Each structure stands twice: as C-alpha cells, then as structure tokens.
Protein backbone atom coordinates (compact mmCIF):
# COMPACT_ATOMS: atom_id res chain seq x y z
CA UNK A 1 95.89 66.84 126.47
CA UNK A 2 97.45 66.96 122.97
CA UNK A 3 94.92 67.86 120.35
CA UNK A 4 97.24 67.73 117.37
CA UNK A 5 95.72 65.69 114.61
CA UNK A 6 97.27 62.24 113.82
CA UNK A 7 97.30 61.14 110.28
CA UNK A 8 95.15 58.06 109.61
CA UNK A 9 97.65 55.33 108.94
CA UNK A 10 94.85 52.78 108.17
CA UNK A 11 94.51 54.19 104.78
CA UNK A 12 96.86 53.38 101.74
CA UNK A 13 99.03 56.52 102.33
CA UNK A 14 102.71 55.83 101.60
CA UNK A 15 105.03 56.23 104.52
CA UNK A 16 106.76 59.16 102.88
CA UNK A 17 103.51 61.16 102.55
CA UNK A 18 102.86 61.25 106.33
CA UNK A 19 104.61 64.59 106.71
CA UNK A 20 103.97 67.97 105.30
CA UNK A 21 107.46 69.17 105.69
CA UNK A 22 110.79 67.22 105.64
CA UNK A 23 113.26 67.37 108.66
CA UNK A 24 115.95 69.15 106.73
CA UNK A 25 113.71 72.21 105.87
CA UNK A 26 115.02 74.37 108.79
CA UNK A 27 118.52 73.93 107.48
CA UNK A 28 117.54 74.10 103.83
CA UNK A 29 119.53 77.24 103.01
CA UNK A 30 122.70 75.84 104.70
CA UNK A 31 122.29 72.61 102.53
CA UNK A 32 121.87 74.48 99.38
CA UNK A 33 124.88 76.54 100.21
CA UNK A 34 127.04 73.50 100.77
CA UNK A 35 125.77 71.90 97.68
CA UNK A 36 126.63 74.94 95.65
CA UNK A 37 130.11 74.75 97.07
CA UNK A 38 130.39 71.03 96.08
CA UNK A 39 129.10 71.87 92.72
CA UNK A 40 131.94 74.44 92.35
CA UNK A 41 134.36 71.81 93.59
CA UNK A 42 133.32 69.34 90.97
CA UNK A 43 133.84 72.05 88.21
CA UNK A 44 137.19 72.73 89.67
CA UNK A 45 138.15 69.06 89.41
CA UNK A 46 137.05 69.05 85.77
CA UNK A 47 139.08 72.19 85.08
CA UNK A 48 142.09 70.49 86.74
CA UNK A 49 141.55 67.37 84.15
CA UNK A 50 141.19 69.72 81.33
CA UNK A 51 144.39 71.55 82.39
CA UNK A 52 146.24 68.21 82.85
CA UNK A 53 147.08 68.96 86.48
CA UNK A 54 149.11 66.41 88.51
CA UNK A 55 147.13 63.18 89.21
CA UNK A 56 147.69 63.24 92.84
CA UNK A 57 146.35 66.87 93.16
CA UNK A 58 143.18 65.69 91.33
CA UNK A 59 142.76 62.72 93.63
CA UNK A 60 143.13 64.96 96.62
CA UNK A 61 140.32 67.22 95.51
CA UNK A 62 138.16 64.23 94.61
CA UNK A 63 138.64 62.96 98.15
CA UNK A 64 137.62 66.28 99.49
CA UNK A 65 134.60 66.33 97.31
CA UNK A 66 133.61 62.73 98.32
CA UNK A 67 133.91 63.82 101.92
CA UNK A 68 131.86 66.98 101.32
CA UNK A 69 129.07 64.90 99.73
CA UNK A 70 129.27 62.22 102.61
CA UNK A 71 128.89 65.00 105.20
CA UNK A 72 125.92 66.45 103.41
CA UNK A 73 124.45 62.75 103.25
CA UNK A 74 124.94 62.11 106.96
CA UNK A 75 123.39 65.53 107.90
CA UNK A 76 120.29 64.61 105.83
CA UNK A 77 120.30 61.15 107.40
CA UNK A 78 120.39 62.53 110.76
CA UNK A 79 117.60 64.92 110.04
CA UNK A 80 115.57 62.01 108.62
CA UNK A 81 115.96 59.95 111.54
CA UNK A 82 115.19 62.79 114.10
CA UNK A 83 111.94 63.86 112.19
CA UNK A 84 110.60 61.34 109.57
CA UNK A 85 111.71 58.27 111.38
CA UNK A 86 110.81 59.44 114.90
CA UNK A 87 107.44 60.65 113.78
CA UNK A 88 106.68 57.36 112.11
CA UNK A 89 107.89 55.42 115.18
CA UNK A 90 105.38 57.33 117.42
CA UNK A 91 102.55 56.26 115.02
CA UNK A 92 103.84 52.85 114.96
CA UNK A 93 102.51 50.00 112.58
CA UNK A 94 103.38 49.83 108.93
CA UNK A 95 104.44 53.35 108.65
CA UNK A 96 107.02 53.01 111.24
CA UNK A 97 108.26 49.62 109.84
CA UNK A 98 108.55 51.27 106.27
CA UNK A 99 110.37 54.29 107.61
CA UNK A 100 112.97 52.01 109.64
CA UNK A 101 113.48 50.02 106.53
CA UNK A 102 114.02 53.08 104.41
CA UNK A 103 116.49 54.51 106.91
CA UNK A 104 118.37 51.09 106.90
CA UNK A 105 118.52 50.99 103.19
CA UNK A 106 119.90 54.39 102.99
CA UNK A 107 122.50 53.70 105.67
CA UNK A 108 123.60 50.71 103.61
CA UNK A 109 123.76 52.74 100.39
CA UNK A 110 126.01 55.33 102.31
CA UNK A 111 128.16 52.68 103.82
CA UNK A 112 128.74 51.20 100.47
CA UNK A 113 129.73 54.43 98.74
C-alpha cells in the first residue's frame, strides 16, 4: 500500500504550489547550458547588426535562435506535462482542471509565437 502523503486539495492552495520540485529539475543543468548558448547567439546577432552584416545572414541567425528557444520551450512543456500536470491529474478536482488549463494556455502561447 502506498503511504505517500497526498496534498490536501480542499484548501485554497494554488495549483502551482502542489509540488515541491518542478519537472525540469533533473535537467536543470542542461536547460541552463542551452539558455547560455542562446544568450550567446543573441549577443552574436546584436554584434552582426552593429557590424552591419548582410541582412539575410542576420535573419538566418534569428531563425536559429527562434528555433533554439522553441525547443527549450517544448522541452519545458513536456516536463510540465509529465510531472506537474500528471500529478495534478492523479489528484483530480480543481487542481487538475487548473493544471490542464494552464498547460493549454501555454501551448496556445507557444503556437502563436
């Protein structure tokens, strides 16, 4: 029998406070390294503009940067779905509804970008 304590969802605890750790924690170093590379790409694009490089070359780098950010976002979304949303779904009720809405809204933002 599982004796893991289950959070009390009858209180006014917001859905985002039901976890002690986020799903991406196990990959935190990988995400940080990727974001540092993205930061470097952004600085490189600024330098290209400053140096008045060819427009198409700058646009190519912007496309690569956009793709890199989208991939980080998709990875975080996947982690969120596998951990936060899955945990809330097991609890059910308002916590699950809130997590599903939160995930749907995040997906809509990613699709629009």
